C-alpha atoms as a PDB file:
ATOM      1  CA  UNK A   1      12.749 -75.440  21.010  1.00  0.00           C
ATOM      2  CA  UNK A   2      12.358 -71.766  19.593  1.00  0.00           C
ATOM      3  CA  UNK A   3      15.565 -70.585  21.846  1.00  0.00           C
ATOM      4  CA  UNK A   4      17.626 -73.513  20.673  1.00  0.00           C
ATOM      5  CA  UNK A   5      16.747 -72.625  16.764  1.00  0.00           C
ATOM      6  CA  UNK A   6      17.540 -68.987  17.676  1.00  0.00           C
ATOM      7  CA  UNK A   7      21.307 -69.977  18.766  1.00  0.00           C
ATOM      8  CA  UNK A   8      21.653 -72.073  15.871  1.00  0.00           C
ATOM      9  CA  UNK A   9      20.385 -69.122  13.580  1.00  0.00           C
ATOM     10  CA  UNK A  10      22.758 -66.629  15.308  1.00  0.00           C
ATOM     11  CA  UNK A  11      25.642 -69.295  15.184  1.00  0.00           C
ATOM     12  CA  UNK A  12      24.958 -69.914  11.232  1.00  0.00           C
ATOM     13  CA  UNK A  13      24.873 -65.839  11.027  1.00  0.00           C
ATOM     14  CA  UNK A  14      28.527 -65.432  12.672  1.00  0.00           C
ATOM     15  CA  UNK A  15      29.961 -68.306  10.672  1.00  0.00           C
ATOM     16  CA  UNK A  16      28.618 -66.397   7.496  1.00  0.00           C
ATOM     17  CA  UNK A  17      30.201 -63.108   8.690  1.00  0.00           C
ATOM     18  CA  UNK A  18      33.220 -64.811   9.233  1.00  0.00           C
ATOM     19  CA  UNK A  19      33.443 -66.265   6.044  1.00  0.00           C
ATOM     20  CA  UNK A  20      32.617 -63.258   4.499  1.00  0.00           C
ATOM     21  CA  UNK A  21      35.496 -61.256   6.328  1.00  0.00           C
ATOM     22  CA  UNK A  22      38.045 -64.174   5.345  1.00  0.00           C
ATOM     23  CA  UNK A  23      37.040 -63.680   1.845  1.00  0.00           C
ATOM     24  CA  UNK A  24      37.566 -60.032   1.660  1.00  0.00           C
ATOM     25  CA  UNK A  25      41.008 -60.433   3.767  1.00  0.00           C
ATOM     26  CA  UNK A  26      42.138 -63.062   0.928  1.00  0.00           C
ATOM     27  CA  UNK A  27      41.157 -61.014  -1.995  1.00  0.00           C
ATOM     28  CA  UNK A  28      42.890 -57.853  -0.234  1.00  0.00           C
ATOM     29  CA  UNK A  29      45.900 -59.724   0.168  1.00  0.00           C
ATOM     30  CA  UNK A  30      45.729 -61.287  -3.477  1.00  0.00           C
ATOM     31  CA  UNK A  31      45.262 -57.568  -4.994  1.00  0.00           C
ATOM     32  CA  UNK A  32      48.474 -56.511  -2.876  1.00  0.00           C
ATOM     33  CA  UNK A  33      50.399 -59.192  -4.071  1.00  0.00           C
ATOM     34  CA  UNK A  34      49.602 -58.774  -7.652  1.00  0.00           C
ATOM     35  CA  UNK A  35      50.596 -55.181  -7.397  1.00  0.00           C
ATOM     36  CA  UNK A  36      53.936 -56.045  -5.543  1.00  0.00           C
ATOM     37  CA  UNK A  37      54.494 -58.648  -8.276  1.00  0.00           C
ATOM     38  CA  UNK A  38      54.229 -55.906 -10.984  1.00  0.00           C
ATOM     39  CA  UNK A  39      56.193 -53.357  -9.371  1.00  0.00           C
ATOM     40  CA  UNK A  40      59.048 -56.180  -8.989  1.00  0.00           C
ATOM     41  CA  UNK A  41      58.861 -56.851 -12.553  1.00  0.00           C
ATOM     42  CA  UNK A  42      59.395 -53.224 -13.687  1.00  0.00           C
ATOM     43  CA  UNK A  43      55.447 -51.960 -14.059  1.00  0.00           C
ATOM     44  CA  UNK A  44      53.399 -49.868 -12.449  1.00  0.00           C
ATOM     45  CA  UNK A  45      49.785 -50.032 -10.592  1.00  0.00           C
ATOM     46  CA  UNK A  46      47.282 -47.695  -9.809  1.00  0.00           C
ATOM     47  CA  UNK A  47      45.035 -47.223  -6.746  1.00  0.00           C
ATOM     48  CA  UNK A  48      42.036 -45.150  -5.932  1.00  0.00           C
ATOM     49  CA  UNK A  49      39.083 -43.636  -7.549  1.00  0.00           C
ATOM     50  CA  UNK A  50      39.317 -41.782 -10.919  1.00  0.00           C
ATOM     51  CA  UNK A  51      39.343 -38.477  -9.315  1.00  0.00           C
ATOM     52  CA  UNK A  52      42.108 -39.269  -6.653  1.00  0.00           C
ATOM     53  CA  UNK A  53      44.543 -41.765  -7.691  1.00  0.00           C
ATOM     54  CA  UNK A  54      47.908 -43.126  -6.347  1.00  0.00           C
ATOM     55  CA  UNK A  55      50.499 -44.910  -8.822  1.00  0.00           C
ATOM     56  CA  UNK A  56      53.487 -46.896  -7.861  1.00  0.00           C
ATOM     57  CA  UNK A  57      55.945 -47.209 -10.557  1.00  0.00           C
ATOM     58  CA  UNK A  58      59.174 -49.077 -10.456  1.00  0.00           C
ATOM     59  CA  UNK A  59      60.272 -48.045 -13.773  1.00  0.00           C
ATOM     60  CA  UNK A  60      60.457 -44.276 -12.958  1.00  0.00           C
ATOM     61  CA  UNK A  61      60.821 -44.949  -9.287  1.00  0.00           C
ATOM     62  CA  UNK A  62      58.093 -42.556  -8.373  1.00  0.00           C
ATOM     63  CA  UNK A  63      55.216 -42.487  -6.506  1.00  0.00           C
ATOM     64  CA  UNK A  64      52.599 -40.322  -8.083  1.00  0.00           C
ATOM     65  CA  UNK A  65      49.224 -38.671  -6.381  1.00  0.00           C
ATOM     66  CA  UNK A  66      46.958 -37.607  -9.041  1.00  0.00           C
ATOM     67  CA  UNK A  67      43.833 -35.198  -7.904  1.00  0.00           C
ATOM     68  CA  UNK A  68      41.106 -34.056 -10.679  1.00  0.00           C
ATOM     69  CA  UNK A  69      38.805 -31.163 -10.139  1.00  0.00           C
ATOM     70  CA  UNK A  70      40.942 -29.518  -7.639  1.00  0.00           C
ATOM     71  CA  UNK A  71      39.072 -26.388  -6.212  1.00  0.00           C
ATOM     72  CA  UNK A  72      37.269 -25.935  -9.778  1.00  0.00           C
ATOM     73  CA  UNK A  73      36.424 -28.259 -12.740  1.00  0.00           C
ATOM     74  CA  UNK A  74      39.116 -28.419 -15.232  1.00  0.00           C
ATOM     75  CA  UNK A  75      41.824 -28.223 -12.656  1.00  0.00           C
ATOM     76  CA  UNK A  76      44.101 -31.168 -12.268  1.00  0.00           C
ATOM     77  CA  UNK A  77      47.172 -31.548  -9.518  1.00  0.00           C
ATOM     78  CA  UNK A  78      49.934 -34.170  -9.727  1.00  0.00           C
ATOM     79  CA  UNK A  79      52.498 -34.843  -6.757  1.00  0.00           C
ATOM     80  CA  UNK A  80      55.600 -36.856  -7.794  1.00  0.00           C
ATOM     81  CA  UNK A  81      57.485 -38.286  -4.889  1.00  0.00           C
ATOM     82  CA  UNK A  82      60.818 -40.190  -5.991  1.00  0.00           C
ATOM     83  CA  UNK A  83      61.501 -43.180  -4.169  1.00  0.00           C
ATOM     84  CA  UNK A  84      65.419 -42.765  -4.366  1.00  0.00           C
ATOM     85  CA  UNK A  85      66.901 -39.959  -2.340  1.00  0.00           C
ATOM     86  CA  UNK A  86      68.799 -38.497  -5.289  1.00  0.00           C
ATOM     87  CA  UNK A  87      65.741 -36.485  -6.570  1.00  0.00           C
ATOM     88  CA  UNK A  88      63.374 -34.094  -5.102  1.00  0.00           C
ATOM     89  CA  UNK A  89      59.828 -34.200  -5.131  1.00  0.00           C
ATOM     90  CA  UNK A  90      57.755 -32.072  -7.994  1.00  0.00           C
ATOM     91  CA  UNK A  91      54.213 -30.843  -8.062  1.00  0.00           C
ATOM     92  CA  UNK A  92      52.189 -30.116 -11.355  1.00  0.00           C
ATOM     93  CA  UNK A  93      49.109 -28.151 -12.151  1.00  0.00           C
ATOM     94  CA  UNK A  94      47.163 -28.702 -15.112  1.00  0.00           C
ATOM     95  CA  UNK A  95      44.234 -26.352 -16.166  1.00  0.00           C
ATOM     96  CA  UNK A  96      42.010 -26.846 -19.262  1.00  0.00           C
ATOM     97  CA  UNK A  97      38.949 -24.815 -20.019  1.00  0.00           C
ATOM     98  CA  UNK A  98      37.656 -25.167 -23.875  1.00  0.00           C
ATOM     99  CA  UNK A  99      40.494 -24.941 -26.309  1.00  0.00           C
ATOM    100  CA  UNK A 100      43.046 -23.788 -23.871  1.00  0.00           C
ATOM    101  CA  UNK A 101      45.514 -25.197 -21.350  1.00  0.00           C
ATOM    102  CA  UNK A 102      47.835 -23.715 -18.648  1.00  0.00           C
ATOM    103  CA  UNK A 103      50.430 -26.087 -16.973  1.00  0.00           C
ATOM    104  CA  UNK A 104      52.907 -24.939 -14.243  1.00  0.00           C
ATOM    105  CA  UNK A 105      55.381 -27.346 -12.497  1.00  0.00           C
ATOM    106  CA  UNK A 106      57.921 -26.824  -9.540  1.00  0.00           C
ATOM    107  CA  UNK A 107      60.221 -28.815  -7.467  1.00  0.00           C
ATOM    108  CA  UNK A 108      59.811 -28.855  -3.903  1.00  0.00           C
ATOM    109  CA  UNK A 109      63.253 -27.798  -2.920  1.00  0.00           C
ATOM    110  CA  UNK A 110      64.895 -24.505  -1.508  1.00  0.00           C
ATOM    111  CA  UNK A 111      65.573 -23.324  -5.008  1.00  0.00           C
ATOM    112  CA  UNK A 112      63.358 -25.151  -7.406  1.00  0.00           C
ATOM    113  CA  UNK A 113      63.197 -24.738 -11.171  1.00  0.00           C
ATOM    114  CA  UNK A 114      59.921 -23.053 -12.281  1.00  0.00           C
ATOM    115  CA  UNK A 115      58.167 -23.720 -15.316  1.00  0.00           C
ATOM    116  CA  UNK A 116      55.105 -22.554 -17.117  1.00  0.00           C
ATOM    117  CA  UNK A 117      53.410 -23.099 -20.336  1.00  0.00           C
ATOM    118  CA  UNK A 118      50.410 -22.073 -22.102  1.00  0.00           C
ATOM    119  CA  UNK A 119      48.440 -23.408 -25.311  1.00  0.00           C
ATOM    120  CA  UNK A 120      45.554 -22.000 -26.661  1.00  0.00           C
ATOM    121  CA  UNK A 121      43.794 -22.874 -30.395  1.00  0.00           C
ATOM    122  CA  UNK A 122      41.730 -25.250 -32.281  1.00  0.00           C
ATOM    123  CA  UNK A 123      42.288 -28.447 -34.211  1.00  0.00           C
ATOM    124  CA  UNK A 124      43.588 -26.379 -37.103  1.00  0.00           C
ATOM    125  CA  UNK A 125      45.370 -23.661 -35.406  1.00  0.00           C
ATOM    126  CA  UNK A 126      47.171 -23.486 -31.992  1.00  0.00           C
ATOM    127  CA  UNK A 127      49.232 -20.786 -30.294  1.00  0.00           C
ATOM    128  CA  UNK A 128      51.558 -21.823 -27.266  1.00  0.00           C
ATOM    129  CA  UNK A 129      54.257 -20.561 -25.248  1.00  0.00           C
ATOM    130  CA  UNK A 130      56.886 -22.027 -22.497  1.00  0.00           C
ATOM    131  CA  UNK A 131      58.727 -20.307 -19.423  1.00  0.00           C
ATOM    132  CA  UNK A 132      61.422 -21.549 -17.184  1.00  0.00           C
ATOM    133  CA  UNK A 133      63.582 -19.851 -14.671  1.00  0.00           C
ATOM    134  CA  UNK A 134      66.158 -21.189 -12.257  1.00  0.00           C
ATOM    135  CA  UNK A 135      65.813 -19.736  -8.923  1.00  0.00           C
ATOM    136  CA  UNK A 136      68.971 -20.778  -7.514  1.00  0.00           C
ATOM    137  CA  UNK A 137      71.885 -18.308  -6.972  1.00  0.00           C
ATOM    138  CA  UNK A 138      74.944 -18.324  -8.967  1.00  0.00           C
ATOM    139  CA  UNK A 139      77.148 -19.506  -6.376  1.00  0.00           C
ATOM    140  CA  UNK A 140      74.907 -22.569  -5.783  1.00  0.00           C
ATOM    141  CA  UNK A 141      75.108 -23.092  -9.382  1.00  0.00           C
ATOM    142  CA  UNK A 142      78.631 -23.327  -9.835  1.00  0.00           C
ATOM    143  CA  UNK A 143      81.393 -20.785 -10.677  1.00  0.00           C
ATOM    144  CA  UNK A 144      79.550 -17.365 -10.513  1.00  0.00           C
ATOM    145  CA  UNK A 145      81.852 -15.671 -13.006  1.00  0.00           C
ATOM    146  CA  UNK A 146      81.732 -18.211 -15.891  1.00  0.00           C
ATOM    147  CA  UNK A 147      79.196 -17.468 -18.733  1.00  0.00           C
ATOM    148  CA  UNK A 148      77.443 -20.672 -18.766  1.00  0.00           C
ATOM    149  CA  UNK A 149      76.377 -20.151 -15.095  1.00  0.00           C
ATOM    150  CA  UNK A 150      75.222 -16.600 -15.635  1.00  0.00           C
ATOM    151  CA  UNK A 151      73.167 -17.788 -18.815  1.00  0.00           C
ATOM    152  CA  UNK A 152      71.346 -20.395 -16.438  1.00  0.00           C
ATOM    153  CA  UNK A 153      70.089 -17.297 -14.409  1.00  0.00           C
ATOM    154  CA  UNK A 154      68.382 -15.922 -17.372  1.00  0.00           C
ATOM    155  CA  UNK A 155      64.869 -17.252 -18.247  1.00  0.00           C
ATOM    156  CA  UNK A 156      64.319 -19.789 -20.780  1.00  0.00           C
ATOM    157  CA  UNK A 157      61.204 -19.023 -22.845  1.00  0.00           C
ATOM    158  CA  UNK A 158      59.891 -20.610 -26.264  1.00  0.00           C
ATOM    159  CA  UNK A 159      56.934 -19.391 -28.308  1.00  0.00           C
ATOM    160  CA  UNK A 160      55.488 -21.146 -31.314  1.00  0.00           C
ATOM    161  CA  UNK A 161      52.680 -21.359 -33.746  1.00  0.00           C
ATOM    162  CA  UNK A 162      51.101 -24.639 -35.423  1.00  0.00           C
ATOM    163  CA  UNK A 163      48.915 -24.728 -38.577  1.00  0.00           C
ATOM    164  CA  UNK A 164      47.280 -27.826 -39.700  1.00  0.00           C
ATOM    165  CA  UNK A 165      45.166 -28.122 -42.492  1.00  0.00           C
ATOM    166  CA  UNK A 166      44.169 -32.222 -43.951  1.00  0.00           C
ATOM    167  CA  UNK A 167      47.591 -33.687 -44.860  1.00  0.00           C
ATOM    168  CA  UNK A 168      49.604 -30.551 -44.243  1.00  0.00           C
ATOM    169  CA  UNK A 169      51.362 -29.299 -41.063  1.00  0.00           C
ATOM    170  CA  UNK A 170      53.386 -26.119 -40.388  1.00  0.00           C
ATOM    171  CA  UNK A 171      54.969 -24.761 -37.319  1.00  0.00           C
ATOM    172  CA  UNK A 172      57.129 -21.626 -36.258  1.00  0.00           C
ATOM    173  CA  UNK A 173      58.951 -21.313 -33.261  1.00  0.00           C
ATOM    174  CA  UNK A 174      61.186 -18.804 -31.522  1.00  0.00           C
ATOM    175  CA  UNK A 175      63.645 -19.655 -28.598  1.00  0.00           C
ATOM    176  CA  UNK A 176      65.264 -17.159 -26.431  1.00  0.00           C
ATOM    177  CA  UNK A 177      64.746 -14.598 -29.214  1.00  0.00           C
ATOM    178  CA  UNK A 178      67.544 -16.106 -31.102  1.00  0.00           C
ATOM    179  CA  UNK A 179      66.662 -19.640 -32.514  1.00  0.00           C
ATOM    180  CA  UNK A 180      63.842 -19.540 -35.229  1.00  0.00           C
ATOM    181  CA  UNK A 181      62.758 -22.585 -36.678  1.00  0.00           C
ATOM    182  CA  UNK A 182      60.236 -23.263 -39.174  1.00  0.00           C
ATOM    183  CA  UNK A 183      59.080 -26.888 -40.153  1.00  0.00           C
ATOM    184  CA  UNK A 184      57.044 -28.099 -42.990  1.00  0.00           C
ATOM    185  CA  UNK A 185      55.231 -31.677 -43.592  1.00  0.00           C
ATOM    186  CA  UNK A 186      52.912 -32.837 -46.513  1.00  0.00           C
ATOM    187  CA  UNK A 187      51.302 -36.325 -47.195  1.00  0.00           C
ATOM    188  CA  UNK A 188      51.731 -36.721 -50.611  1.00  0.00           C
ATOM    189  CA  UNK A 189      49.342 -40.214 -50.697  1.00  0.00           C
ATOM    190  CA  UNK A 190      49.095 -43.303 -48.280  1.00  0.00           C
ATOM    191  CA  UNK A 191      52.615 -44.232 -48.885  1.00  0.00           C
ATOM    192  CA  UNK A 192      54.932 -41.167 -49.374  1.00  0.00           C
ATOM    193  CA  UNK A 193      55.375 -37.898 -47.318  1.00  0.00           C
ATOM    194  CA  UNK A 194      57.849 -35.090 -47.293  1.00  0.00           C
ATOM    195  CA  UNK A 195      59.236 -32.438 -45.075  1.00  0.00           C
ATOM    196  CA  UNK A 196      61.530 -29.704 -44.280  1.00  0.00           C
ATOM    197  CA  UNK A 197      63.077 -27.760 -41.433  1.00  0.00           C
ATOM    198  CA  UNK A 198      64.922 -24.497 -41.718  1.00  0.00           C
ATOM    199  CA  UNK A 199      66.667 -22.569 -38.780  1.00  0.00           C
ATOM    200  CA  UNK A 200      68.381 -19.483 -38.059  1.00  0.00           C
ATOM    201  CA  UNK A 201      70.548 -18.614 -35.112  1.00  0.00           C
ATOM    202  CA  UNK A 202      70.944 -14.886 -34.965  1.00  0.00           C
ATOM    203  CA  UNK A 203      73.579 -14.644 -32.506  1.00  0.00           C
ATOM    204  CA  UNK A 204      75.845 -16.939 -34.582  1.00  0.00           C
ATOM    205  CA  UNK A 205      74.516 -15.630 -37.851  1.00  0.00           C
ATOM    206  CA  UNK A 206      73.936 -19.473 -38.888  1.00  0.00           C
ATOM    207  CA  UNK A 207      71.415 -20.598 -41.542  1.00  0.00           C
ATOM    208  CA  UNK A 208      70.334 -24.482 -41.785  1.00  0.00           C
ATOM    209  CA  UNK A 209      67.934 -26.440 -43.918  1.00  0.00           C
ATOM    210  CA  UNK A 210      66.989 -30.116 -43.854  1.00  0.00           C
ATOM    211  CA  UNK A 211      64.747 -31.584 -46.438  1.00  0.00           C
ATOM    212  CA  UNK A 212      63.782 -35.273 -46.264  1.00  0.00           C
ATOM    213  CA  UNK A 213      61.125 -37.768 -47.531  1.00  0.00           C
ATOM    214  CA  UNK A 214      59.782 -41.496 -46.614  1.00  0.00           C
ATOM    215  CA  UNK A 215      58.146 -43.999 -48.508  1.00  0.00           C
ATOM    216  CA  UNK A 216      56.557 -47.429 -47.752  1.00  0.00           C
ATOM    217  CA  UNK A 217      57.812 -49.704 -50.140  1.00  0.00           C
ATOM    218  CA  UNK A 218      55.122 -52.249 -48.972  1.00  0.00           C
ATOM    219  CA  UNK A 219      53.203 -52.468 -45.721  1.00  0.00           C
ATOM    220  CA  UNK A 220      56.202 -53.927 -43.774  1.00  0.00           C
ATOM    221  CA  UNK A 221      59.340 -52.102 -45.738  1.00  0.00           C
ATOM    222  CA  UNK A 222      59.789 -48.254 -45.331  1.00  0.00           C
ATOM    223  CA  UNK A 223      62.483 -46.251 -46.651  1.00  0.00           C
ATOM    224  CA  UNK A 224      63.503 -42.944 -45.512  1.00  0.00           C
ATOM    225  CA  UNK A 225      66.092 -40.348 -47.026  1.00  0.00           C
ATOM    226  CA  UNK A 226      67.530 -36.985 -45.393  1.00  0.00           C
ATOM    227  CA  UNK A 227      69.640 -34.061 -46.884  1.00  0.00           C
ATOM    228  CA  UNK A 228      71.067 -31.390 -44.885  1.00  0.00           C
ATOM    229  CA  UNK A 229      72.693 -27.902 -45.941  1.00  0.00           C
ATOM    230  CA  UNK A 230      75.865 -28.755 -44.552  1.00  0.00           C
ATOM    231  CA  UNK A 231      76.127 -31.628 -47.262  1.00  0.00           C
ATOM    232  CA  UNK A 232      75.032 -34.731 -44.821  1.00  0.00           C
ATOM    233  CA  UNK A 233      72.974 -36.973 -46.379  1.00  0.00           C
ATOM    234  CA  UNK A 234      71.508 -39.971 -44.636  1.00  0.00           C
ATOM    235  CA  UNK A 235      69.397 -42.906 -45.810  1.00  0.00           C
ATOM    236  CA  UNK A 236      67.326 -45.408 -43.558  1.00  0.00           C
ATOM    237  CA  UNK A 237      65.832 -48.799 -44.628  1.00  0.00           C
ATOM    238  CA  UNK A 238      63.250 -50.550 -42.090  1.00  0.00           C
ATOM    239  CA  UNK A 239      61.895 -53.822 -42.138  1.00  0.00           C
ATOM    240  CA  UNK A 240      58.981 -54.982 -39.773  1.00  0.00           C
ATOM    241  CA  UNK A 241      58.213 -58.476 -40.161  1.00  0.00           C
ATOM    242  CA  UNK A 242      55.558 -58.477 -37.071  1.00  0.00           C
ATOM    243  CA  UNK A 243      54.683 -56.128 -34.436  1.00  0.00           C
ATOM    244  CA  UNK A 244      57.802 -55.047 -31.869  1.00  0.00           C
ATOM    245  CA  UNK A 245      59.969 -56.749 -34.219  1.00  0.00           C
ATOM    246  CA  UNK A 246      62.194 -54.760 -37.012  1.00  0.00           C
ATOM    247  CA  UNK A 247      65.664 -54.621 -38.764  1.00  0.00           C
ATOM    248  CA  UNK A 248      66.784 -51.385 -39.808  1.00  0.00           C
ATOM    249  CA  UNK A 249      69.936 -50.469 -42.278  1.00  0.00           C
ATOM    250  CA  UNK A 250      71.050 -46.813 -41.995  1.00  0.00           C
ATOM    251  CA  UNK A 251      73.980 -45.078 -44.024  1.00  0.00           C
ATOM    252  CA  UNK A 252      75.042 -41.674 -43.500  1.00  0.00           C
ATOM    253  CA  UNK A 253      77.616 -39.510 -45.562  1.00  0.00           C
ATOM    254  CA  UNK A 254      79.101 -36.014 -44.973  1.00  0.00           C
ATOM    255  CA  UNK A 255      80.153 -34.733 -48.494  1.00  0.00           C
ATOM    256  CA  UNK A 256      81.207 -31.182 -47.567  1.00  0.00           C
ATOM    257  CA  UNK A 257      83.375 -32.065 -44.541  1.00  0.00           C
ATOM    258  CA  UNK A 258      87.284 -31.540 -44.928  1.00  0.00           C
ATOM    259  CA  UNK A 259      87.338 -35.344 -44.549  1.00  0.00           C
ATOM    260  CA  UNK A 260      84.648 -37.117 -46.266  1.00  0.00           C
ATOM    261  CA  UNK A 261      83.627 -39.771 -44.077  1.00  0.00           C
ATOM    262  CA  UNK A 262      80.539 -42.508 -44.802  1.00  0.00           C
ATOM    263  CA  UNK A 263      78.961 -44.404 -41.879  1.00  0.00           C
ATOM    264  CA  UNK A 264      76.970 -47.572 -41.666  1.00  0.00           C
ATOM    265  CA  UNK A 265      74.571 -48.847 -38.895  1.00  0.00           C
ATOM    266  CA  UNK A 266      72.703 -52.004 -38.380  1.00  0.00           C
ATOM    267  CA  UNK A 267      69.900 -52.380 -35.803  1.00  0.00           C
ATOM    268  CA  UNK A 268      67.947 -55.333 -34.937  1.00  0.00           C
ATOM    269  CA  UNK A 269      64.940 -55.648 -32.418  1.00  0.00           C
ATOM    270  CA  UNK A 270      63.341 -58.682 -31.456  1.00  0.00           C
ATOM    271  CA  UNK A 271      60.297 -57.980 -29.106  1.00  0.00           C
ATOM    272  CA  UNK A 272      58.306 -60.491 -27.006  1.00  0.00           C
END
């Protein structure tokens, strides 16, 4: 009698284990079908743990592998592999420590484009720099004697300073020791803000200035205007009846051009 009961118990245990395995397999295939459906509908899906993640995206056509805390805390690695054959793979490294961040990226090909950037600062002041270099030869880039091809061989670099205090923001940037840009933004109240941008190109001895403002007529309606030193005046009126839906009307006029012209535009967006 005891042996019969033991056989029945073992049979019930095998049946329970088999049922649990079937449930796990069904759940796995359901998750897989869901991820494939997301990709086919033009989305992305993340797989893995917080420190090691795979992301499949049909929008960007990329497979991304992200690894946190590589070799040391704060160092993150990102590998992007394109699904299409027209693009090359890319590796990125991000290192954060207190108020500093250093980022490096490079394409995984014979002559990659190498980019480095660094930012250090606080909530009120930050200093940053960006550097990029094309490692391809002149013959690989195109006509070796052309000015455009020779310019590609020079490193591209940009450095800047950002200041922020309350409702006031200002920035100063220099690009390739040639283009100097200064911007200013101030929020006057809850509905009105103003801004300005000044730029000087040393190689062309050219100066430009733009000023503008933004004002909210009501919670759904905003009007913006901009005036440039070259005589261009532009106005934008935007109405948002509900989220992801808006109607915008714009007008632009060049008063100092040899042939004065005025352009009008209309944009209607109806989101889901």
